[in-house]
Amino acid sequence: TFQTNILTELKNWKLNLIQHHKLQMRQEKEKHALHVKQLQNEMENLKELLHTYEISISRKDEVVITNLTQALEKQKDRVELMRKFTLWRIQHVKTKQEEYANTLADRHFRIALMKKVWAAWRSASEIRWKDKVARACQLRAEDVCVQLTNDYEAKIAELTATLEQRKAEILRLHSERDQYEDAMKKAFMRGVCALNLEAMTMFQSK
């Protein structure tokens, strides 16, 4: 009965130890799965935010192009109206003072030409400004993507290191359990041998 009790106790202890390790491993797996799920949710949110930024930038570009086109059309209409007014005025005063009308026409022509040059320069300047803004936005988006990539790689490396530590800890616990079981077996065998020797001594004395 003593031997049976010892074996039963060892069996119960072994089962409890295995259940404890299984519980720890299940808890660690649940924590890891929860953490991975949180990271995936963060990645999805960041992807949606980046998509929203891209849509916003595209809409802003369309608005800028539309405004520039409207400004050019208005400027063109103004120049055309001024040219028609100048021609009408020249025709109106031609009968009274042809020389003065010619001078006035030349002056208005130069004004119209200067306005055309100014409009062309302004258009080119606004186009260059739009290109600079687009390049700056693109560089900023690339920097954000690189930063996000680096952050996620660092998190993945940290999680990998943690997982490796957990695996090493599990291996150490298994090793300690095996050593403990081996020690218990040896102790049990020494006890059995001692009992056998004591029984033999008693039989020999009898």
C-alpha atoms as a PDB file:
ATOM      1  CA  THR A   1       0.000   0.000   0.000  1.00  0.00           C
ATOM      2  CA  PHE A   2       2.867   2.399   0.712  1.00  0.00           C
ATOM      3  CA  GLN A   3       4.261   1.810  -2.761  1.00  0.00           C
ATOM      4  CA  THR A   4       0.786   2.221  -4.281  1.00  0.00           C
ATOM      5  CA  ASN A   5       0.268   5.486  -2.417  1.00  0.00           C
ATOM      6  CA  ILE A   6       3.603   6.802  -3.628  1.00  0.00           C
ATOM      7  CA  LEU A   7       2.814   5.854  -7.208  1.00  0.00           C
ATOM      8  CA  THR A   8      -0.640   7.415  -6.962  1.00  0.00           C
ATOM      9  CA  GLU A   9       0.813  10.606  -5.502  1.00  0.00           C
ATOM     10  CA  LEU A  10       3.433  10.779  -8.252  1.00  0.00           C
ATOM     11  CA  LYS A  11       0.811  10.192 -10.909  1.00  0.00           C
ATOM     12  CA  ASN A  12      -1.445  12.913  -9.479  1.00  0.00           C
ATOM     13  CA  TRP A  13       1.470  15.324  -9.204  1.00  0.00           C
ATOM     14  CA  LYS A  14       2.476  14.583 -12.781  1.00  0.00           C
ATOM     15  CA  LEU A  15      -1.083  15.157 -14.042  1.00  0.00           C
ATOM     16  CA  ASN A  16      -1.360  18.416 -12.087  1.00  0.00           C
ATOM     17  CA  LEU A  17       1.981  19.604 -13.455  1.00  0.00           C
ATOM     18  CA  ILE A  18       0.975  18.759 -17.024  1.00  0.00           C
ATOM     19  CA  GLN A  19      -2.386  20.504 -16.614  1.00  0.00           C
ATOM     20  CA  HIS A  20      -0.646  23.538 -15.141  1.00  0.00           C
ATOM     21  CA  HIS A  21       1.757  23.714 -18.090  1.00  0.00           C
ATOM     22  CA  LYS A  22      -1.091  23.263 -20.548  1.00  0.00           C
ATOM     23  CA  LEU A  23      -2.994  26.092 -18.880  1.00  0.00           C
ATOM     24  CA  GLN A  24       0.053  28.369 -19.027  1.00  0.00           C
ATOM     25  CA  MET A  25       0.665  27.556 -22.684  1.00  0.00           C
ATOM     26  CA  ARG A  26      -3.002  28.167 -23.540  1.00  0.00           C
ATOM     27  CA  GLN A  27      -2.944  31.504 -21.728  1.00  0.00           C
ATOM     28  CA  GLU A  28       0.237  32.550 -23.528  1.00  0.00           C
ATOM     29  CA  LYS A  29      -1.274  31.554 -26.874  1.00  0.00           C
ATOM     30  CA  GLU A  30      -4.423  33.542 -26.120  1.00  0.00           C
ATOM     31  CA  LYS A  31      -2.377  36.605 -25.141  1.00  0.00           C
ATOM     32  CA  HIS A  32      -0.285  36.277 -28.293  1.00  0.00           C
ATOM     33  CA  ALA A  33      -3.374  35.877 -30.501  1.00  0.00           C
ATOM     34  CA  LEU A  34      -4.995  38.921 -28.865  1.00  0.00           C
ATOM     35  CA  HIS A  35      -1.861  41.010 -29.386  1.00  0.00           C
ATOM     36  CA  VAL A  36      -1.573  39.956 -33.029  1.00  0.00           C
ATOM     37  CA  LYS A  37      -5.248  40.786 -33.568  1.00  0.00           C
ATOM     38  CA  GLN A  38      -4.748  44.234 -32.040  1.00  0.00           C
ATOM     39  CA  LEU A  39      -1.772  44.863 -34.327  1.00  0.00           C
ATOM     40  CA  GLN A  40      -3.813  43.766 -37.341  1.00  0.00           C
ATOM     41  CA  ASN A  41      -6.608  46.139 -36.359  1.00  0.00           C
ATOM     42  CA  GLU A  42      -4.112  48.982 -35.997  1.00  0.00           C
ATOM     43  CA  MET A  43      -2.667  48.172 -39.421  1.00  0.00           C
ATOM     44  CA  GLU A  44      -6.138  48.180 -41.005  1.00  0.00           C
ATOM     45  CA  ASN A  45      -6.956  51.528 -39.360  1.00  0.00           C
ATOM     46  CA  LEU A  46      -3.698  53.026 -40.607  1.00  0.00           C
ATOM     47  CA  LYS A  47      -4.359  51.703 -44.111  1.00  0.00           C
ATOM     48  CA  GLU A  48      -7.800  53.344 -44.097  1.00  0.00           C
ATOM     49  CA  LEU A  49      -6.274  56.601 -42.845  1.00  0.00           C
ATOM     50  CA  LEU A  50      -3.641  56.513 -45.595  1.00  0.00           C
ATOM     51  CA  HIS A  51      -6.349  55.853 -48.193  1.00  0.00           C
ATOM     52  CA  THR A  52      -8.331  58.820 -46.847  1.00  0.00           C
ATOM     53  CA  TYR A  53      -5.232  61.043 -47.132  1.00  0.00           C
ATOM     54  CA  GLU A  54      -4.678  59.918 -50.713  1.00  0.00           C
ATOM     55  CA  ILE A  55      -8.298  60.716 -51.627  1.00  0.00           C
ATOM     56  CA  SER A  56      -8.036  64.120 -49.916  1.00  0.00           C
ATOM     57  CA  ILE A  57      -4.818  64.978 -51.796  1.00  0.00           C
ATOM     58  CA  SER A  58      -6.368  63.914 -55.108  1.00  0.00           C
ATOM     59  CA  ARG A  59      -9.437  66.078 -54.478  1.00  0.00           C
ATOM     60  CA  LYS A  60      -7.279  69.053 -53.545  1.00  0.00           C
ATOM     61  CA  ASP A  61      -5.340  68.663 -56.810  1.00  0.00           C
ATOM     62  CA  GLU A  62      -8.590  68.637 -58.768  1.00  0.00           C
ATOM     63  CA  VAL A  63      -9.793  71.790 -56.974  1.00  0.00           C
ATOM     64  CA  VAL A  64      -6.498  73.598 -57.690  1.00  0.00           C
ATOM     65  CA  ILE A  65      -6.622  72.654 -61.387  1.00  0.00           C
ATOM     66  CA  THR A  66     -10.262  73.777 -61.636  1.00  0.00           C
ATOM     67  CA  ASN A  67      -9.490  77.131 -60.004  1.00  0.00           C
ATOM     68  CA  LEU A  68      -6.512  77.708 -62.289  1.00  0.00           C
ATOM     69  CA  THR A  69      -8.594  76.897 -65.353  1.00  0.00           C
ATOM     70  CA  GLN A  70     -11.360  79.274 -64.284  1.00  0.00           C
ATOM     71  CA  ALA A  71      -8.838  82.047 -63.551  1.00  0.00           C
ATOM     72  CA  LEU A  72      -7.262  81.614 -66.991  1.00  0.00           C
ATOM     73  CA  GLU A  73     -10.673  81.739 -68.679  1.00  0.00           C
ATOM     74  CA  LYS A  74     -11.605  84.920 -66.789  1.00  0.00           C
ATOM     75  CA  GLN A  75      -8.288  86.519 -67.668  1.00  0.00           C
ATOM     76  CA  LYS A  76      -8.760  85.557 -71.289  1.00  0.00           C
ATOM     77  CA  ASP A  77     -12.249  87.075 -71.317  1.00  0.00           C
ATOM     78  CA  ARG A  78     -10.917  90.273 -69.748  1.00  0.00           C
ATOM     79  CA  VAL A  79      -8.188  90.593 -72.352  1.00  0.00           C
ATOM     80  CA  GLU A  80     -10.690  89.943 -75.136  1.00  0.00           C
ATOM     81  CA  LEU A  81     -13.109  92.549 -73.768  1.00  0.00           C
ATOM     82  CA  MET A  82     -10.311  95.101 -73.436  1.00  0.00           C
ATOM     83  CA  ARG A  83      -9.179  94.429 -76.982  1.00  0.00           C
ATOM     84  CA  LYS A  84     -12.723  94.923 -78.318  1.00  0.00           C
ATOM     85  CA  PHE A  85     -13.127  98.116 -76.309  1.00  0.00           C
ATOM     86  CA  THR A  86      -9.832  99.448 -77.645  1.00  0.00           C
ATOM     87  CA  LEU A  87     -10.814  98.708 -81.238  1.00  0.00           C
ATOM     88  CA  TRP A  88     -14.175 100.379 -80.727  1.00  0.00           C
ATOM     89  CA  ARG A  89     -12.551 103.463 -79.209  1.00  0.00           C
ATOM     90  CA  ILE A  90     -10.046 103.701 -82.047  1.00  0.00           C
ATOM     91  CA  GLN A  91     -12.862 103.441 -84.562  1.00  0.00           C
ATOM     92  CA  HIS A  92     -14.840 106.099 -82.687  1.00  0.00           C
ATOM     93  CA  VAL A  93     -12.096 108.769 -82.612  1.00  0.00           C
ATOM     94  CA  LYS A  94     -10.540 107.916 -85.960  1.00  0.00           C
ATOM     95  CA  THR A  95     -12.508 110.593 -87.780  1.00  0.00           C
ATOM     96  CA  LYS A  96     -11.360 113.360 -85.424  1.00  0.00           C
ATOM     97  CA  GLN A  97      -7.739 112.613 -84.684  1.00  0.00           C
ATOM     98  CA  GLU A  98      -6.193 109.713 -86.528  1.00  0.00           C
ATOM     99  CA  GLU A  99      -2.704 110.198 -85.138  1.00  0.00           C
ATOM    100  CA  TYR A 100      -3.949 110.364 -81.555  1.00  0.00           C
ATOM    101  CA  ALA A 101      -6.093 107.297 -82.177  1.00  0.00           C
ATOM    102  CA  ASN A 102      -3.121 105.354 -83.497  1.00  0.00           C
ATOM    103  CA  THR A 103      -1.045 106.307 -80.437  1.00  0.00           C
ATOM    104  CA  LEU A 104      -3.875 105.320 -78.137  1.00  0.00           C
ATOM    105  CA  ALA A 105      -4.284 102.028 -79.960  1.00  0.00           C
ATOM    106  CA  ASP A 106      -0.573 101.285 -79.614  1.00  0.00           C
ATOM    107  CA  ARG A 107      -0.712 102.044 -75.918  1.00  0.00           C
ATOM    108  CA  HIS A 108      -3.702  99.803 -75.345  1.00  0.00           C
ATOM    109  CA  PHE A 109      -2.076  97.079 -77.391  1.00  0.00           C
ATOM    110  CA  ARG A 110       1.015  97.210 -75.199  1.00  0.00           C
ATOM    111  CA  ILE A 111      -1.171  97.056 -72.083  1.00  0.00           C
ATOM    112  CA  ALA A 112      -2.992  94.024 -73.439  1.00  0.00           C
ATOM    113  CA  LEU A 113       0.303  92.380 -74.337  1.00  0.00           C
ATOM    114  CA  MET A 114       1.697  93.046 -70.861  1.00  0.00           C
ATOM    115  CA  LYS A 115      -1.410  91.527 -69.299  1.00  0.00           C
ATOM    116  CA  LYS A 116      -1.064  88.458 -71.490  1.00  0.00           C
ATOM    117  CA  VAL A 117       2.579  88.104 -70.459  1.00  0.00           C
ATOM    118  CA  TRP A 118       1.616  88.555 -66.817  1.00  0.00           C
ATOM    119  CA  ALA A 119      -1.146  85.950 -67.131  1.00  0.00           C
ATOM    120  CA  ALA A 120       1.260  83.490 -68.762  1.00  0.00           C
ATOM    121  CA  TRP A 121       3.890  84.063 -66.060  1.00  0.00           C
ATOM    122  CA  ARG A 122       1.319  83.694 -63.290  1.00  0.00           C
ATOM    123  CA  SER A 123      -0.015  80.477 -64.816  1.00  0.00           C
ATOM    124  CA  ALA A 124       3.491  78.996 -65.045  1.00  0.00           C
ATOM    125  CA  SER A 125       4.212  80.054 -61.460  1.00  0.00           C
ATOM    126  CA  GLU A 126       1.023  78.440 -60.166  1.00  0.00           C
ATOM    127  CA  ILE A 127       1.788  75.228 -62.070  1.00  0.00           C
ATOM    128  CA  ARG A 128       5.288  75.119 -60.547  1.00  0.00           C
ATOM    129  CA  TRP A 129       3.772  75.717 -57.092  1.00  0.00           C
ATOM    130  CA  LYS A 130       1.298  72.870 -57.609  1.00  0.00           C
ATOM    131  CA  ASP A 131       4.148  70.551 -58.655  1.00  0.00           C
ATOM    132  CA  LYS A 132       6.105  71.494 -55.524  1.00  0.00           C
ATOM    133  CA  VAL A 133       3.089  70.835 -53.311  1.00  0.00           C
ATOM    134  CA  ALA A 134       2.468  67.462 -55.003  1.00  0.00           C
ATOM    135  CA  ARG A 135       6.107  66.441 -54.579  1.00  0.00           C
ATOM    136  CA  ALA A 136       6.087  67.518 -50.937  1.00  0.00           C
ATOM    137  CA  CYS A 137       2.885  65.540 -50.277  1.00  0.00           C
ATOM    138  CA  GLN A 138       4.317  62.496 -52.031  1.00  0.00           C
ATOM    139  CA  LEU A 139       7.555  62.681 -50.007  1.00  0.00           C
ATOM    140  CA  ARG A 140       5.556  63.079 -46.807  1.00  0.00           C
ATOM    141  CA  ALA A 141       3.406  60.061 -47.641  1.00  0.00           C
ATOM    142  CA  GLU A 142       6.522  58.020 -48.425  1.00  0.00           C
ATOM    143  CA  ASP A 143       8.088  59.058 -45.099  1.00  0.00           C
ATOM    144  CA  VAL A 144       4.914  58.037 -43.265  1.00  0.00           C
ATOM    145  CA  CYS A 145       4.885  54.652 -45.032  1.00  0.00           C
ATOM    146  CA  VAL A 146       8.562  54.068 -44.189  1.00  0.00           C
ATOM    147  CA  GLN A 147       7.969  55.039 -40.560  1.00  0.00           C
ATOM    148  CA  LEU A 148       4.954  52.723 -40.313  1.00  0.00           C
ATOM    149  CA  THR A 149       6.949  49.898 -41.875  1.00  0.00           C
ATOM    150  CA  ASN A 150       9.821  50.405 -39.412  1.00  0.00           C
ATOM    151  CA  ASP A 151       7.410  50.522 -36.455  1.00  0.00           C
ATOM    152  CA  TYR A 152       5.662  47.315 -37.482  1.00  0.00           C
ATOM    153  CA  GLU A 153       8.970  45.554 -38.137  1.00  0.00           C
ATOM    154  CA  ALA A 154      10.148  46.579 -34.655  1.00  0.00           C
ATOM    155  CA  LYS A 155       6.903  45.303 -33.110  1.00  0.00           C
ATOM    156  CA  ILE A 156       7.155  42.032 -35.007  1.00  0.00           C
ATOM    157  CA  ALA A 157      10.783  41.616 -33.879  1.00  0.00           C
ATOM    158  CA  GLU A 158       9.766  42.328 -30.281  1.00  0.00           C
ATOM    159  CA  LEU A 159       6.932  39.779 -30.478  1.00  0.00           C
ATOM    160  CA  THR A 160       9.271  37.235 -32.050  1.00  0.00           C
ATOM    161  CA  ALA A 161      11.803  37.723 -29.243  1.00  0.00           C
ATOM    162  CA  THR A 162       9.036  37.361 -26.649  1.00  0.00           C
ATOM    163  CA  LEU A 163       7.798  34.186 -28.323  1.00  0.00           C
ATOM    164  CA  GLU A 164      11.335  32.761 -28.335  1.00  0.00           C
ATOM    165  CA  GLN A 165      11.664  33.570 -24.622  1.00  0.00           C
ATOM    166  CA  ARG A 166       8.374  31.798 -23.936  1.00  0.00           C
ATOM    167  CA  LYS A 167       9.540  28.766 -25.905  1.00  0.00           C
ATOM    168  CA  ALA A 168      12.821  28.705 -23.974  1.00  0.00           C
ATOM    169  CA  GLU A 169      10.913  28.981 -20.690  1.00  0.00           C
ATOM    170  CA  ILE A 170       8.631  26.088 -21.704  1.00  0.00           C
ATOM    171  CA  LEU A 171      11.660  23.971 -22.658  1.00  0.00           C
ATOM    172  CA  ARG A 172      13.275  24.791 -19.309  1.00  0.00           C
ATOM    173  CA  LEU A 173      10.127  23.798 -17.442  1.00  0.00           C
ATOM    174  CA  HIS A 174       9.951  20.534 -19.389  1.00  0.00           C
ATOM    175  CA  SER A 175      13.598  19.882 -18.580  1.00  0.00           C
ATOM    176  CA  GLU A 176      13.034  20.574 -14.883  1.00  0.00           C
ATOM    177  CA  ARG A 177       9.995  18.305 -14.914  1.00  0.00           C
ATOM    178  CA  ASP A 178      11.992  15.495 -16.555  1.00  0.00           C
ATOM    179  CA  GLN A 179      14.824  15.966 -14.047  1.00  0.00           C
ATOM    180  CA  TYR A 180      12.362  15.935 -11.162  1.00  0.00           C
ATOM    181  CA  GLU A 181      10.679  12.792 -12.475  1.00  0.00           C
ATOM    182  CA  ASP A 182      14.076  11.141 -12.919  1.00  0.00           C
ATOM    183  CA  ALA A 183      15.069  12.089  -9.377  1.00  0.00           C
ATOM    184  CA  MET A 184      11.761  10.752  -8.038  1.00  0.00           C
ATOM    185  CA  LYS A 185      12.250   7.499  -9.926  1.00  0.00           C
ATOM    186  CA  LYS A 186      15.771   7.128  -8.548  1.00  0.00           C
ATOM    187  CA  ALA A 187      14.590   7.924  -5.034  1.00  0.00           C
ATOM    188  CA  PHE A 188      11.751   5.460  -5.399  1.00  0.00           C
ATOM    189  CA  MET A 189      14.175   2.774  -6.666  1.00  0.00           C
ATOM    190  CA  ARG A 190      16.530   3.460  -3.752  1.00  0.00           C
ATOM    191  CA  GLY A 191      13.589   3.085  -1.367  1.00  0.00           C
ATOM    192  CA  VAL A 192      12.568  -0.184  -3.003  1.00  0.00           C
ATOM    193  CA  CYS A 193      16.137  -1.498  -2.836  1.00  0.00           C
ATOM    194  CA  ALA A 194      16.381  -0.522   0.814  1.00  0.00           C
ATOM    195  CA  LEU A 195      13.115  -2.326   1.554  1.00  0.00           C
ATOM    196  CA  ASN A 196      14.329  -5.406  -0.308  1.00  0.00           C
ATOM    197  CA  LEU A 197      17.630  -5.406   1.603  1.00  0.00           C
ATOM    198  CA  GLU A 198      15.827  -5.012   4.905  1.00  0.00           C
ATOM    199  CA  ALA A 199      13.464  -7.889   3.999  1.00  0.00           C
ATOM    200  CA  MET A 200      16.386 -10.108   3.014  1.00  0.00           C
ATOM    201  CA  THR A 201      18.151  -9.311   6.284  1.00  0.00           C
ATOM    202  CA  MET A 202      15.051 -10.193   8.261  1.00  0.00           C
ATOM    203  CA  PHE A 203      14.604 -13.501   6.397  1.00  0.00           C
ATOM    204  CA  GLN A 204      18.282 -14.358   6.878  1.00  0.00           C
ATOM    205  CA  SER A 205      18.133 -13.609  10.578  1.00  0.00           C
ATOM    206  CA  LYS A 206      15.111 -15.810  10.907  1.00  0.00           C
END
